[in-house]
């Protein structure tokens, strides 16, 4: 039913990487007979994979969550998740993205791997490629490299991608949350000084 009000959700001022999932569970997870349905939370978390919130990606995730019995890509679900101000503003804070991605990787690693493959396809669509040697191309290339690294390539390919990643991020004051997360996981404490400028 679509006649019920879909009021915008007011976010707590102290929302951060460590408490975002718990807060969203209170808004989007249904508990029925000791069985928690976190489908909408998974949908929202998957939208955190790109650096901005893309409407077409949001719709694609809805399709990926659907099956022959249930079409999850419907108006009620869409109206429910867009109550979050992030979908109106077109982006999530980087710390929130990291918290949602942490949760997906821990609870749904297989599905996270599938999402990365789908995002890789989207990044490599010809119509999505910006002109070479532009700032937009640099950011796009960084997304492609990072997404490939997160799919656990072989050693030789990983080394080649990491060298290109370092060239792309060298000298940048700010970096995407996924870059920060990758660097956090890659380097040990002894390398902390090298990666400190990339931390949120």
N, C-alpha and C. Protein backbone atom coordinates (compact mmCIF):
# COMPACT_ATOMS: atom_id res chain seq x y z
N UNK A 1 0.85 -1.18 0.00
CA UNK A 1 0.00 0.00 0.00
C UNK A 1 0.89 1.24 0.00
N UNK A 2 0.49 2.23 -0.81
CA UNK A 2 1.31 3.42 -0.94
C UNK A 2 0.66 4.64 -0.31
N UNK A 3 -0.44 4.45 0.43
CA UNK A 3 -1.13 5.59 1.00
C UNK A 3 -0.61 5.97 2.38
N UNK A 4 0.29 5.16 2.94
CA UNK A 4 0.84 5.51 4.25
C UNK A 4 1.91 6.58 4.08
N UNK A 5 2.10 7.44 5.08
CA UNK A 5 3.08 8.53 4.93
C UNK A 5 4.51 8.00 4.93
N UNK A 6 5.31 8.59 4.09
CA UNK A 6 6.74 8.24 4.05
C UNK A 6 7.51 9.46 4.55
N UNK A 7 7.59 9.57 5.85
CA UNK A 7 8.24 10.72 6.46
C UNK A 7 9.76 10.61 6.34
N UNK A 8 10.44 11.73 6.05
CA UNK A 8 11.91 11.70 6.03
C UNK A 8 12.46 11.26 7.39
N UNK A 9 13.56 10.55 7.34
CA UNK A 9 14.20 10.07 8.58
C UNK A 9 15.18 11.13 9.06
N UNK A 10 15.07 11.49 10.32
CA UNK A 10 16.01 12.43 10.91
C UNK A 10 17.19 11.66 11.48
N UNK A 11 18.35 11.95 10.98
CA UNK A 11 19.55 11.21 11.39
C UNK A 11 20.12 11.77 12.68
N UNK A 12 20.59 10.89 13.58
CA UNK A 12 21.25 11.37 14.81
C UNK A 12 22.52 12.16 14.47
N UNK A 13 22.81 13.16 15.25
CA UNK A 13 24.00 13.98 14.99
C UNK A 13 25.29 13.20 15.22
N UNK A 14 25.23 12.17 16.06
CA UNK A 14 26.45 11.41 16.36
C UNK A 14 26.57 10.14 15.50
N UNK A 15 25.84 10.09 14.39
CA UNK A 15 25.91 8.91 13.52
C UNK A 15 27.31 8.79 12.93
N UNK A 16 27.89 7.57 13.01
CA UNK A 16 29.25 7.40 12.53
C UNK A 16 29.44 5.98 11.98
N UNK A 17 30.66 5.69 11.62
CA UNK A 17 31.00 4.39 11.02
C UNK A 17 30.62 3.21 11.91
N UNK A 18 30.69 3.40 13.22
CA UNK A 18 30.52 2.28 14.15
C UNK A 18 29.08 2.07 14.61
N UNK A 19 28.22 3.10 14.47
CA UNK A 19 26.85 2.93 14.95
C UNK A 19 25.79 3.04 13.87
N UNK A 20 26.22 3.28 12.61
CA UNK A 20 25.23 3.50 11.55
C UNK A 20 24.36 2.28 11.31
N UNK A 21 24.94 1.09 11.34
CA UNK A 21 24.15 -0.13 11.07
C UNK A 21 23.11 -0.34 12.16
N UNK A 22 23.49 -0.16 13.41
CA UNK A 22 22.53 -0.32 14.50
C UNK A 22 21.37 0.66 14.36
N UNK A 23 21.68 1.89 13.99
CA UNK A 23 20.59 2.87 13.81
C UNK A 23 19.68 2.46 12.65
N UNK A 24 20.27 2.09 11.52
CA UNK A 24 19.45 1.73 10.36
C UNK A 24 18.62 0.47 10.61
N UNK A 25 19.10 -0.40 11.46
CA UNK A 25 18.31 -1.59 11.81
C UNK A 25 17.00 -1.19 12.48
N UNK A 26 17.03 -0.14 13.28
CA UNK A 26 15.81 0.30 13.96
C UNK A 26 14.79 0.86 12.96
N UNK A 27 15.27 1.27 11.81
CA UNK A 27 14.39 1.90 10.82
C UNK A 27 13.97 0.95 9.70
N UNK A 28 14.82 -0.04 9.38
CA UNK A 28 14.60 -0.81 8.16
C UNK A 28 14.56 -2.32 8.32
N UNK A 29 14.84 -2.84 9.50
CA UNK A 29 14.84 -4.30 9.67
C UNK A 29 13.56 -4.73 10.37
N UNK A 30 12.84 -5.64 9.70
CA UNK A 30 11.61 -6.18 10.29
C UNK A 30 11.93 -7.46 11.04
N UNK A 31 11.37 -7.59 12.22
CA UNK A 31 11.54 -8.80 13.01
C UNK A 31 10.20 -9.53 13.11
N UNK A 32 10.14 -10.68 12.49
CA UNK A 32 8.92 -11.48 12.50
C UNK A 32 9.23 -12.90 12.96
N UNK A 33 8.61 -13.29 14.06
CA UNK A 33 8.79 -14.65 14.60
C UNK A 33 10.27 -15.01 14.72
N UNK A 34 11.03 -14.12 15.35
CA UNK A 34 12.47 -14.34 15.57
C UNK A 34 13.28 -14.42 14.27
N UNK A 35 12.71 -13.92 13.17
CA UNK A 35 13.41 -13.94 11.89
C UNK A 35 13.54 -12.50 11.39
N UNK A 36 14.75 -11.97 11.40
CA UNK A 36 14.97 -10.59 10.99
C UNK A 36 15.11 -10.50 9.48
N UNK A 37 14.33 -9.61 8.88
CA UNK A 37 14.41 -9.37 7.45
C UNK A 37 15.20 -8.07 7.22
N UNK A 38 16.45 -8.22 6.80
CA UNK A 38 17.31 -7.05 6.62
C UNK A 38 17.49 -6.69 5.15
N UNK A 39 16.53 -7.05 4.31
CA UNK A 39 16.64 -6.81 2.88
C UNK A 39 16.85 -5.33 2.55
N UNK A 40 16.07 -4.46 3.16
CA UNK A 40 16.20 -3.03 2.86
C UNK A 40 17.54 -2.48 3.35
N UNK A 41 18.02 -2.99 4.46
CA UNK A 41 19.33 -2.57 4.96
C UNK A 41 20.43 -3.01 4.00
N UNK A 42 20.31 -4.22 3.48
CA UNK A 42 21.27 -4.69 2.47
C UNK A 42 21.24 -3.80 1.23
N UNK A 43 20.06 -3.39 0.83
CA UNK A 43 19.90 -2.52 -0.33
C UNK A 43 20.61 -1.19 -0.10
N UNK A 44 20.35 -0.59 1.05
CA UNK A 44 20.98 0.70 1.38
C UNK A 44 22.49 0.56 1.44
N UNK A 45 22.97 -0.51 2.08
CA UNK A 45 24.41 -0.73 2.21
C UNK A 45 25.07 -0.92 0.84
N UNK A 46 24.40 -1.62 -0.06
CA UNK A 46 24.96 -1.83 -1.40
C UNK A 46 25.07 -0.52 -2.17
N UNK A 47 24.21 0.43 -1.86
CA UNK A 47 24.27 1.73 -2.52
C UNK A 47 25.49 2.53 -2.09
N UNK A 48 26.18 2.07 -1.03
CA UNK A 48 27.38 2.76 -0.54
C UNK A 48 28.62 2.39 -1.34
N UNK A 49 28.53 1.42 -2.23
CA UNK A 49 29.72 0.98 -2.98
C UNK A 49 30.24 2.07 -3.92
N UNK A 50 29.39 2.71 -4.75
CA UNK A 50 29.91 3.82 -5.56
C UNK A 50 30.22 5.04 -4.69
N UNK A 51 31.06 5.95 -5.18
CA UNK A 51 31.43 7.13 -4.38
C UNK A 51 30.28 8.11 -4.20
N UNK A 52 29.32 8.10 -5.13
CA UNK A 52 28.09 8.89 -4.98
C UNK A 52 26.90 7.94 -5.11
N UNK A 53 25.74 8.43 -4.71
CA UNK A 53 24.53 7.63 -4.86
C UNK A 53 23.98 7.82 -6.27
N UNK A 54 24.05 6.75 -7.06
CA UNK A 54 23.55 6.79 -8.42
C UNK A 54 22.19 6.10 -8.48
N UNK A 55 21.22 6.79 -9.06
CA UNK A 55 19.87 6.25 -9.10
C UNK A 55 19.82 4.93 -9.86
N UNK A 56 20.52 4.85 -10.99
CA UNK A 56 20.50 3.61 -11.79
C UNK A 56 21.13 2.45 -11.02
N UNK A 57 22.16 2.73 -10.22
CA UNK A 57 22.76 1.68 -9.39
C UNK A 57 21.78 1.24 -8.31
N UNK A 58 21.07 2.20 -7.73
CA UNK A 58 20.05 1.88 -6.71
C UNK A 58 19.01 0.93 -7.30
N UNK A 59 18.57 1.21 -8.51
CA UNK A 59 17.58 0.34 -9.17
C UNK A 59 18.18 -1.03 -9.49
N UNK A 60 19.43 -1.05 -9.94
CA UNK A 60 20.08 -2.32 -10.26
C UNK A 60 20.19 -3.20 -9.01
N UNK A 61 20.53 -2.61 -7.88
CA UNK A 61 20.62 -3.38 -6.63
C UNK A 61 19.26 -3.98 -6.30
N UNK A 62 18.20 -3.21 -6.52
CA UNK A 62 16.85 -3.74 -6.29
C UNK A 62 16.57 -4.96 -7.16
N UNK A 63 17.05 -4.92 -8.40
CA UNK A 63 16.88 -6.07 -9.29
C UNK A 63 17.69 -7.27 -8.80
N UNK A 64 18.91 -7.01 -8.32
CA UNK A 64 19.76 -8.09 -7.83
C UNK A 64 19.17 -8.75 -6.58
N UNK A 65 18.42 -7.99 -5.80
CA UNK A 65 17.78 -8.54 -4.61
C UNK A 65 16.49 -9.29 -4.92
N UNK A 66 16.02 -9.17 -6.14
CA UNK A 66 14.77 -9.82 -6.53
C UNK A 66 15.03 -11.24 -7.02
N UNK A 67 13.99 -12.03 -7.06
CA UNK A 67 14.06 -13.37 -7.65
C UNK A 67 12.74 -13.66 -8.35
N UNK A 68 12.57 -14.89 -8.82
CA UNK A 68 11.37 -15.23 -9.59
C UNK A 68 10.10 -15.10 -8.75
N UNK A 69 10.21 -15.30 -7.46
CA UNK A 69 9.03 -15.23 -6.60
C UNK A 69 8.71 -13.81 -6.15
N UNK A 70 9.76 -13.02 -5.87
CA UNK A 70 9.55 -11.70 -5.29
C UNK A 70 10.29 -10.62 -6.09
N UNK A 71 9.52 -9.62 -6.52
CA UNK A 71 10.14 -8.46 -7.15
C UNK A 71 10.32 -7.39 -6.08
N UNK A 72 11.55 -7.24 -5.61
CA UNK A 72 11.82 -6.26 -4.55
C UNK A 72 11.90 -4.83 -5.09
N UNK A 73 12.09 -4.71 -6.41
CA UNK A 73 12.18 -3.38 -7.01
C UNK A 73 10.77 -2.85 -7.25
N UNK A 74 10.17 -2.33 -6.18
CA UNK A 74 8.81 -1.80 -6.28
C UNK A 74 8.75 -0.44 -5.61
N UNK A 75 7.65 0.27 -5.84
CA UNK A 75 7.53 1.63 -5.34
C UNK A 75 7.57 1.71 -3.81
N UNK A 76 6.96 0.76 -3.15
CA UNK A 76 6.94 0.81 -1.69
C UNK A 76 8.35 0.75 -1.12
N UNK A 77 9.16 -0.17 -1.63
CA UNK A 77 10.55 -0.27 -1.14
C UNK A 77 11.35 0.97 -1.49
N UNK A 78 11.18 1.49 -2.70
CA UNK A 78 11.91 2.69 -3.10
C UNK A 78 11.51 3.89 -2.25
N UNK A 79 10.20 4.06 -2.04
CA UNK A 79 9.75 5.16 -1.20
C UNK A 79 10.27 5.03 0.23
N UNK A 80 10.45 3.79 0.67
CA UNK A 80 10.92 3.57 2.04
C UNK A 80 12.38 3.95 2.21
N UNK A 81 13.24 3.52 1.28
CA UNK A 81 14.67 3.82 1.45
C UNK A 81 15.01 5.28 1.16
N UNK A 82 14.25 5.93 0.26
CA UNK A 82 14.59 7.33 -0.05
C UNK A 82 14.12 8.28 1.05
N UNK A 83 13.58 7.75 2.13
CA UNK A 83 13.31 8.58 3.31
C UNK A 83 14.62 9.06 3.92
N UNK A 84 15.71 8.36 3.62
CA UNK A 84 17.03 8.78 4.11
C UNK A 84 17.49 10.02 3.33
N UNK A 85 17.96 11.05 4.02
CA UNK A 85 18.36 12.28 3.32
C UNK A 85 19.51 12.07 2.33
N UNK A 86 20.30 11.03 2.52
CA UNK A 86 21.41 10.77 1.59
C UNK A 86 20.93 10.61 0.15
N UNK A 87 19.77 9.97 -0.01
CA UNK A 87 19.26 9.73 -1.35
C UNK A 87 18.72 11.02 -1.99
N UNK A 88 18.36 11.97 -1.17
CA UNK A 88 17.94 13.28 -1.68
C UNK A 88 19.17 14.11 -2.05
N UNK A 89 20.19 14.03 -1.21
CA UNK A 89 21.41 14.81 -1.43
C UNK A 89 22.33 14.20 -2.48
N UNK A 90 22.17 12.90 -2.74
CA UNK A 90 22.97 12.24 -3.76
C UNK A 90 24.30 11.69 -3.29
N UNK A 91 24.56 11.71 -1.99
CA UNK A 91 25.79 11.13 -1.48
C UNK A 91 25.67 10.80 0.00
N UNK A 92 26.51 9.86 0.42
CA UNK A 92 26.61 9.49 1.83
C UNK A 92 27.93 10.02 2.37
N UNK A 93 27.96 10.40 3.64
CA UNK A 93 29.26 10.74 4.25
C UNK A 93 30.20 9.53 4.17
N UNK A 94 31.47 9.81 4.00
CA UNK A 94 32.44 8.72 3.81
C UNK A 94 32.46 7.75 4.98
N UNK A 95 32.35 8.26 6.21
CA UNK A 95 32.37 7.37 7.37
C UNK A 95 31.17 6.43 7.36
N UNK A 96 30.03 6.92 6.91
CA UNK A 96 28.82 6.09 6.83
C UNK A 96 29.01 5.01 5.78
N UNK A 97 29.57 5.38 4.64
CA UNK A 97 29.85 4.39 3.59
C UNK A 97 30.73 3.26 4.13
N UNK A 98 31.78 3.64 4.85
CA UNK A 98 32.69 2.64 5.39
C UNK A 98 31.98 1.70 6.36
N UNK A 99 31.13 2.25 7.21
CA UNK A 99 30.41 1.42 8.17
C UNK A 99 29.48 0.43 7.48
N UNK A 100 28.79 0.87 6.43
CA UNK A 100 27.88 -0.01 5.70
C UNK A 100 28.64 -1.08 4.92
N UNK A 101 29.77 -0.69 4.33
CA UNK A 101 30.58 -1.65 3.59
C UNK A 101 31.20 -2.68 4.53
N UNK A 102 31.65 -2.23 5.71
CA UNK A 102 32.16 -3.16 6.73
C UNK A 102 31.11 -4.23 7.03
N UNK A 103 29.88 -3.78 7.24
CA UNK A 103 28.79 -4.69 7.60
C UNK A 103 28.50 -5.70 6.48
N UNK A 104 28.46 -5.21 5.25
CA UNK A 104 28.22 -6.13 4.11
C UNK A 104 29.33 -7.15 3.99
N UNK A 105 30.58 -6.71 4.12
CA UNK A 105 31.70 -7.63 3.96
C UNK A 105 31.71 -8.69 5.06
N UNK A 106 31.27 -8.30 6.25
CA UNK A 106 31.27 -9.25 7.36
C UNK A 106 30.09 -10.22 7.28
N UNK A 107 28.90 -9.69 6.97
CA UNK A 107 27.70 -10.52 7.03
C UNK A 107 27.35 -11.20 5.71
N UNK A 108 27.67 -10.55 4.60
CA UNK A 108 27.30 -11.09 3.28
C UNK A 108 28.49 -11.04 2.32
N UNK A 109 29.58 -11.74 2.63
CA UNK A 109 30.77 -11.64 1.77
C UNK A 109 30.55 -12.13 0.35
N UNK A 110 29.77 -13.18 0.17
CA UNK A 110 29.52 -13.70 -1.18
C UNK A 110 28.72 -12.70 -2.00
N UNK A 111 27.72 -12.11 -1.39
CA UNK A 111 26.91 -11.14 -2.11
C UNK A 111 27.71 -9.88 -2.39
N UNK A 112 28.60 -9.50 -1.46
CA UNK A 112 29.48 -8.35 -1.68
C UNK A 112 30.37 -8.58 -2.89
N UNK A 113 30.87 -9.80 -3.04
CA UNK A 113 31.70 -10.13 -4.20
C UNK A 113 30.89 -10.01 -5.49
N UNK A 114 29.64 -10.43 -5.45
CA UNK A 114 28.77 -10.31 -6.63
C UNK A 114 28.52 -8.84 -6.96
N UNK A 115 28.31 -8.02 -5.93
CA UNK A 115 28.09 -6.60 -6.15
C UNK A 115 29.31 -5.93 -6.78
N UNK A 116 30.50 -6.33 -6.33
CA UNK A 116 31.71 -5.74 -6.90
C UNK A 116 31.84 -6.07 -8.39
N UNK A 117 31.46 -7.29 -8.74
CA UNK A 117 31.51 -7.68 -10.16
C UNK A 117 30.52 -6.86 -10.98
N UNK A 118 29.33 -6.63 -10.41
CA UNK A 118 28.33 -5.83 -11.11
C UNK A 118 28.79 -4.37 -11.24
N UNK A 119 29.39 -3.84 -10.19
CA UNK A 119 29.88 -2.46 -10.24
C UNK A 119 31.02 -2.35 -11.25
N UNK A 120 31.84 -3.39 -11.35
CA UNK A 120 32.92 -3.41 -12.34
C UNK A 120 32.35 -3.32 -13.76
N UNK A 121 31.27 -4.04 -14.02
CA UNK A 121 30.60 -3.97 -15.33
C UNK A 121 30.11 -2.56 -15.63
N UNK A 122 29.50 -1.94 -14.60
CA UNK A 122 28.98 -0.58 -14.78
C UNK A 122 30.11 0.39 -15.08
N UNK A 123 31.21 0.29 -14.34
CA UNK A 123 32.34 1.20 -14.54
C UNK A 123 32.94 1.09 -15.93
N UNK A 124 32.88 -0.10 -16.51
CA UNK A 124 33.52 -0.33 -17.79
C UNK A 124 32.59 -0.17 -18.98
N UNK A 125 31.33 0.22 -18.75
CA UNK A 125 30.46 0.51 -19.88
C UNK A 125 31.02 1.69 -20.65
N UNK A 126 31.05 1.57 -21.97
CA UNK A 126 31.68 2.61 -22.79
C UNK A 126 31.07 3.99 -22.56
N UNK A 127 29.72 4.02 -22.40
CA UNK A 127 29.07 5.32 -22.22
C UNK A 127 29.38 5.97 -20.87
N UNK A 128 29.97 5.20 -19.95
CA UNK A 128 30.32 5.75 -18.64
C UNK A 128 31.77 6.22 -18.56
N UNK A 129 32.54 6.02 -19.62
CA UNK A 129 33.96 6.38 -19.58
C UNK A 129 34.15 7.86 -19.90
N UNK A 130 34.77 8.63 -19.00
CA UNK A 130 35.03 10.05 -19.28
C UNK A 130 36.19 10.21 -20.26
N UNK A 131 36.37 11.41 -20.80
CA UNK A 131 37.49 11.64 -21.74
C UNK A 131 38.83 11.35 -21.09
N UNK A 132 39.76 10.73 -21.82
CA UNK A 132 41.08 10.42 -21.24
C UNK A 132 41.84 11.67 -20.79
N UNK A 133 42.70 11.47 -19.80
CA UNK A 133 43.59 12.51 -19.30
C UNK A 133 42.85 13.72 -18.72
N UNK A 134 41.66 13.50 -18.17
CA UNK A 134 40.93 14.55 -17.47
C UNK A 134 40.84 14.18 -16.00
N UNK A 135 40.43 15.13 -15.16
CA UNK A 135 40.25 14.82 -13.74
C UNK A 135 39.17 13.77 -13.55
N UNK A 136 38.13 13.86 -14.38
CA UNK A 136 37.05 12.86 -14.29
C UNK A 136 37.57 11.47 -14.64
N UNK A 137 38.44 11.41 -15.65
CA UNK A 137 39.01 10.12 -16.05
C UNK A 137 39.85 9.54 -14.91
N UNK A 138 40.63 10.41 -14.25
CA UNK A 138 41.48 9.95 -13.15
C UNK A 138 40.66 9.33 -12.03
N UNK A 139 39.58 10.01 -11.64
CA UNK A 139 38.72 9.48 -10.59
C UNK A 139 38.04 8.19 -11.00
N UNK A 140 37.63 8.13 -12.28
CA UNK A 140 36.97 6.93 -12.79
C UNK A 140 37.93 5.75 -12.82
N UNK A 141 39.16 6.02 -13.28
CA UNK A 141 40.18 4.98 -13.34
C UNK A 141 40.50 4.46 -11.94
N UNK A 142 40.55 5.37 -10.97
CA UNK A 142 40.81 4.97 -9.59
C UNK A 142 39.74 4.01 -9.09
N UNK A 143 38.48 4.30 -9.43
CA UNK A 143 37.37 3.42 -9.02
C UNK A 143 37.52 2.03 -9.65
N UNK A 144 37.89 1.98 -10.92
CA UNK A 144 38.06 0.70 -11.61
C UNK A 144 39.18 -0.12 -10.96
N UNK A 145 40.32 0.53 -10.72
CA UNK A 145 41.47 -0.17 -10.12
C UNK A 145 41.11 -0.71 -8.74
N UNK A 146 40.51 0.14 -7.93
CA UNK A 146 40.17 -0.26 -6.57
C UNK A 146 39.19 -1.43 -6.58
N UNK A 147 38.20 -1.35 -7.45
CA UNK A 147 37.22 -2.42 -7.52
C UNK A 147 37.87 -3.74 -7.93
N UNK A 148 38.83 -3.68 -8.85
CA UNK A 148 39.55 -4.89 -9.26
C UNK A 148 40.40 -5.44 -8.11
N UNK A 149 41.04 -4.55 -7.35
CA UNK A 149 41.85 -4.99 -6.21
C UNK A 149 41.00 -5.69 -5.16
N UNK A 150 39.80 -5.20 -4.96
CA UNK A 150 38.93 -5.77 -3.95
C UNK A 150 38.34 -7.12 -4.36
N UNK A 151 38.58 -7.52 -5.61
CA UNK A 151 38.13 -8.83 -6.07
C UNK A 151 39.25 -9.88 -5.98
N UNK A 152 40.32 -9.53 -5.24
CA UNK A 152 41.42 -10.46 -4.95
C UNK A 152 42.07 -11.06 -6.20
N UNK A 153 42.70 -10.21 -7.04
CA UNK A 153 43.38 -10.74 -8.23
C UNK A 153 44.65 -11.49 -7.85
N UNK A 154 45.29 -12.12 -8.82
CA UNK A 154 46.57 -12.80 -8.58
C UNK A 154 47.66 -11.80 -8.25
N UNK A 155 48.81 -12.32 -7.77
CA UNK A 155 49.87 -11.46 -7.27
C UNK A 155 50.35 -10.47 -8.32
N UNK A 156 50.63 -10.93 -9.54
CA UNK A 156 51.19 -10.05 -10.57
C UNK A 156 50.22 -8.92 -10.91
N UNK A 157 48.96 -9.27 -11.09
CA UNK A 157 47.96 -8.24 -11.42
C UNK A 157 47.77 -7.29 -10.25
N UNK A 158 47.76 -7.83 -9.03
CA UNK A 158 47.60 -6.99 -7.85
C UNK A 158 48.74 -5.96 -7.77
N UNK A 159 49.96 -6.41 -7.99
CA UNK A 159 51.11 -5.50 -7.91
C UNK A 159 51.00 -4.40 -8.96
N UNK A 160 50.62 -4.77 -10.19
CA UNK A 160 50.47 -3.77 -11.25
C UNK A 160 49.39 -2.75 -10.90
N UNK A 161 48.27 -3.23 -10.37
CA UNK A 161 47.17 -2.34 -10.00
C UNK A 161 47.54 -1.44 -8.83
N UNK A 162 48.27 -1.99 -7.86
CA UNK A 162 48.66 -1.18 -6.70
C UNK A 162 49.63 -0.07 -7.10
N UNK A 163 50.53 -0.36 -8.01
CA UNK A 163 51.46 0.68 -8.48
C UNK A 163 50.69 1.81 -9.18
N UNK A 164 49.72 1.44 -10.01
CA UNK A 164 48.92 2.46 -10.69
C UNK A 164 48.07 3.24 -9.68
N UNK A 165 47.54 2.55 -8.67
CA UNK A 165 46.76 3.21 -7.63
C UNK A 165 47.60 4.25 -6.90
N UNK A 166 48.83 3.88 -6.56
CA UNK A 166 49.71 4.82 -5.86
C UNK A 166 50.00 6.04 -6.72
N UNK A 167 50.19 5.84 -8.03
CA UNK A 167 50.43 6.98 -8.92
C UNK A 167 49.22 7.91 -8.96
N UNK A 168 48.03 7.33 -8.97
CA UNK A 168 46.81 8.13 -9.07
C UNK A 168 46.52 8.93 -7.81
N UNK A 169 46.81 8.34 -6.64
CA UNK A 169 46.45 9.04 -5.39
C UNK A 169 47.58 9.91 -4.88
N UNK A 170 48.76 9.84 -5.48
CA UNK A 170 49.90 10.62 -4.99
C UNK A 170 49.58 12.12 -5.06
N UNK A 171 49.73 12.79 -3.96
CA UNK A 171 49.52 14.23 -3.93
C UNK A 171 48.10 14.67 -3.70
N UNK A 172 47.15 13.74 -3.63
CA UNK A 172 45.76 14.12 -3.40
C UNK A 172 45.53 14.37 -1.91
N UNK A 173 44.80 15.45 -1.60
CA UNK A 173 44.50 15.76 -0.20
C UNK A 173 43.37 14.89 0.33
N UNK A 174 42.44 14.52 -0.54
CA UNK A 174 41.30 13.72 -0.11
C UNK A 174 41.17 12.52 -1.01
N UNK A 175 40.65 11.42 -0.45
CA UNK A 175 40.45 10.22 -1.23
C UNK A 175 39.11 9.58 -0.87
N UNK A 176 38.62 8.81 -1.80
CA UNK A 176 37.36 8.10 -1.63
C UNK A 176 37.44 7.14 -0.45
N UNK A 177 36.29 6.89 0.20
CA UNK A 177 36.25 6.02 1.37
C UNK A 177 36.78 4.62 1.07
N UNK A 178 36.53 4.12 -0.14
CA UNK A 178 36.99 2.78 -0.48
C UNK A 178 38.52 2.74 -0.59
N UNK A 179 39.12 3.83 -1.06
CA UNK A 179 40.59 3.90 -1.10
C UNK A 179 41.14 3.86 0.32
N UNK A 180 40.53 4.65 1.21
CA UNK A 180 40.96 4.66 2.60
C UNK A 180 40.84 3.27 3.21
N UNK A 181 39.73 2.61 2.97
CA UNK A 181 39.51 1.28 3.52
C UNK A 181 40.53 0.29 2.98
N UNK A 182 40.82 0.36 1.69
CA UNK A 182 41.79 -0.56 1.10
C UNK A 182 43.16 -0.35 1.73
N UNK A 183 43.55 0.92 1.88
CA UNK A 183 44.86 1.20 2.46
C UNK A 183 44.92 0.79 3.93
N UNK A 184 43.81 0.95 4.66
CA UNK A 184 43.77 0.52 6.06
C UNK A 184 44.01 -0.98 6.17
N UNK A 185 43.43 -1.74 5.26
CA UNK A 185 43.56 -3.20 5.31
C UNK A 185 44.89 -3.68 4.77
N UNK A 186 45.46 -2.92 3.85
CA UNK A 186 46.69 -3.36 3.19
C UNK A 186 47.92 -3.20 4.07
N UNK A 187 48.02 -2.04 4.73
CA UNK A 187 49.25 -1.74 5.45
C UNK A 187 49.18 -2.13 6.92
N UNK A 188 50.28 -2.61 7.44
CA UNK A 188 50.41 -2.98 8.83
C UNK A 188 50.75 -1.72 9.65
N UNK A 189 50.70 -1.80 11.00
CA UNK A 189 51.00 -0.62 11.83
C UNK A 189 52.32 0.07 11.50
N UNK A 190 53.32 -0.69 11.07
CA UNK A 190 54.61 -0.09 10.74
C UNK A 190 54.50 0.88 9.58
N UNK A 191 53.47 0.70 8.74
CA UNK A 191 53.28 1.58 7.59
C UNK A 191 52.31 2.70 7.88
N UNK A 192 51.91 2.87 9.14
CA UNK A 192 50.84 3.82 9.47
C UNK A 192 51.19 5.23 9.02
N UNK A 193 52.46 5.65 9.19
CA UNK A 193 52.82 7.00 8.81
C UNK A 193 52.65 7.22 7.32
N UNK A 194 52.90 6.19 6.55
CA UNK A 194 52.79 6.32 5.11
C UNK A 194 51.35 6.56 4.69
N UNK A 195 50.38 5.98 5.40
CA UNK A 195 48.99 6.05 4.98
C UNK A 195 48.16 7.02 5.81
N UNK A 196 48.80 7.72 6.76
CA UNK A 196 48.05 8.56 7.69
C UNK A 196 47.22 9.61 6.97
N UNK A 197 47.74 10.19 5.90
CA UNK A 197 47.02 11.28 5.23
C UNK A 197 45.78 10.79 4.50
N UNK A 198 45.63 9.47 4.35
CA UNK A 198 44.46 8.94 3.68
C UNK A 198 43.37 8.56 4.65
N UNK A 199 43.62 8.66 5.94
CA UNK A 199 42.64 8.20 6.92
C UNK A 199 41.58 9.25 7.15
N UNK A 200 40.30 8.80 7.43
CA UNK A 200 39.21 9.76 7.63
C UNK A 200 39.40 10.54 8.93
